[in-house]
Amino acid sequence: MLRYFNPLAVFPPEPPYALHVVQDGARGLRVAWDPVVGATHYTVESSSDGKGFAEVANVTATSWSTG
């Protein structure tokens, strides 16, 4: 749709695949994923109800931890 209005528009990269969540320490979680070609950073979002999401981190690595 973006290219219809702007033929030079760049599409965002695909979302990461192979998402893994494991316990990290006594109370934390570690989220990891496979790298996405073309991605320069990843935005990690969290939700307490599964509806409203808020950004909690912006990382260049392919993992993030709450702990």
C-alpha atoms as a PDB file:
ATOM      1  CA  MET A   1       0.000   0.000   0.000  1.00  0.00           C
ATOM      2  CA  LEU A   2       2.833   2.403   0.807  1.00  0.00           C
ATOM      3  CA  ARG A   3       4.420   1.831  -2.572  1.00  0.00           C
ATOM      4  CA  TYR A   4       1.151   2.766  -4.271  1.00  0.00           C
ATOM      5  CA  PHE A   5       1.404   6.260  -2.829  1.00  0.00           C
ATOM      6  CA  ASN A   6       5.188   6.518  -2.766  1.00  0.00           C
ATOM      7  CA  PRO A   7       7.078   4.155  -5.099  1.00  0.00           C
ATOM      8  CA  LEU A   8      10.315   4.814  -3.180  1.00  0.00           C
ATOM      9  CA  ALA A   9       8.858   3.989   0.248  1.00  0.00           C
ATOM     10  CA  VAL A  10      10.927   1.545   2.275  1.00  0.00           C
ATOM     11  CA  PHE A  11       9.026  -1.207   4.011  1.00  0.00           C
ATOM     12  CA  PRO A  12       9.975  -2.086   7.578  1.00  0.00           C
ATOM     13  CA  PRO A  13      11.766  -5.411   8.063  1.00  0.00           C
ATOM     14  CA  GLU A  14       9.808  -8.536   8.857  1.00  0.00           C
ATOM     15  CA  PRO A  15       9.234  -9.309  12.553  1.00  0.00           C
ATOM     16  CA  PRO A  16      11.751 -11.644  14.213  1.00  0.00           C
ATOM     17  CA  TYR A  17      11.145 -15.383  14.103  1.00  0.00           C
ATOM     18  CA  ALA A  18      12.112 -18.143  16.522  1.00  0.00           C
ATOM     19  CA  LEU A  19      11.243 -16.143  19.631  1.00  0.00           C
ATOM     20  CA  HIS A  20      12.466 -17.777  22.841  1.00  0.00           C
ATOM     21  CA  VAL A  21      11.595 -16.799  26.412  1.00  0.00           C
ATOM     22  CA  VAL A  22      13.451 -18.358  29.350  1.00  0.00           C
ATOM     23  CA  GLN A  23      13.797 -17.604  33.037  1.00  0.00           C
ATOM     24  CA  ASP A  24      16.709 -15.269  33.763  1.00  0.00           C
ATOM     25  CA  GLY A  25      17.646 -15.298  37.422  1.00  0.00           C
ATOM     26  CA  ALA A  26      15.163 -15.524  40.270  1.00  0.00           C
ATOM     27  CA  ARG A  27      12.559 -13.112  38.901  1.00  0.00           C
ATOM     28  CA  GLY A  28      13.584 -12.149  35.391  1.00  0.00           C
ATOM     29  CA  LEU A  29      12.852 -13.253  31.864  1.00  0.00           C
ATOM     30  CA  ARG A  30      15.210 -13.352  28.909  1.00  0.00           C
ATOM     31  CA  VAL A  31      13.739 -12.911  25.439  1.00  0.00           C
ATOM     32  CA  ALA A  32      15.828 -13.909  22.422  1.00  0.00           C
ATOM     33  CA  TRP A  33      15.120 -14.146  18.686  1.00  0.00           C
ATOM     34  CA  ASP A  34      16.773 -14.872  15.375  1.00  0.00           C
ATOM     35  CA  PRO A  35      18.252 -11.833  13.602  1.00  0.00           C
ATOM     36  CA  VAL A  36      16.253 -10.192  10.817  1.00  0.00           C
ATOM     37  CA  VAL A  37      18.054  -9.234   7.606  1.00  0.00           C
ATOM     38  CA  GLY A  38      18.188  -5.456   7.326  1.00  0.00           C
ATOM     39  CA  ALA A  39      17.244  -4.743  10.944  1.00  0.00           C
ATOM     40  CA  THR A  40      19.439  -2.159  12.665  1.00  0.00           C
ATOM     41  CA  HIS A  41      17.665  -2.365  16.022  1.00  0.00           C
ATOM     42  CA  TYR A  42      14.736  -4.064  17.720  1.00  0.00           C
ATOM     43  CA  THR A  43      11.990  -2.483  19.798  1.00  0.00           C
ATOM     44  CA  VAL A  44      10.850  -4.613  22.725  1.00  0.00           C
ATOM     45  CA  GLU A  45       7.317  -3.960  23.930  1.00  0.00           C
ATOM     46  CA  SER A  46       5.422  -5.258  26.944  1.00  0.00           C
ATOM     47  CA  SER A  47       1.766  -5.533  27.856  1.00  0.00           C
ATOM     48  CA  SER A  48       0.050  -6.502  31.070  1.00  0.00           C
ATOM     49  CA  ASP A  49      -3.289  -7.202  29.343  1.00  0.00           C
ATOM     50  CA  GLY A  50      -2.284  -8.229  25.801  1.00  0.00           C
ATOM     51  CA  LYS A  51      -4.019  -5.181  24.320  1.00  0.00           C
ATOM     52  CA  GLY A  52      -2.091  -2.029  25.154  1.00  0.00           C
ATOM     53  CA  PHE A  53       1.641  -2.290  24.521  1.00  0.00           C
ATOM     54  CA  ALA A  54       4.407   0.036  25.676  1.00  0.00           C
ATOM     55  CA  GLU A  55       8.045   0.181  24.592  1.00  0.00           C
ATOM     56  CA  VAL A  56      10.372  -1.122  27.288  1.00  0.00           C
ATOM     57  CA  ALA A  57      13.646  -1.325  25.345  1.00  0.00           C
ATOM     58  CA  ASN A  58      15.317  -0.497  22.065  1.00  0.00           C
ATOM     59  CA  VAL A  59      18.265  -2.820  21.452  1.00  0.00           C
ATOM     60  CA  THR A  60      20.721  -3.716  18.696  1.00  0.00           C
ATOM     61  CA  ALA A  61      21.332  -7.225  20.065  1.00  0.00           C
ATOM     62  CA  THR A  62      19.024 -10.190  19.466  1.00  0.00           C
ATOM     63  CA  SER A  63      18.087 -10.589  23.111  1.00  0.00           C
ATOM     64  CA  TRP A  64      16.816  -8.590  26.069  1.00  0.00           C
ATOM     65  CA  SER A  65      16.358  -9.369  29.764  1.00  0.00           C
ATOM     66  CA  THR A  66      14.086  -8.028  32.466  1.00  0.00           C
ATOM     67  CA  GLY A  67      16.525  -9.095  35.142  1.00  0.00           C
END
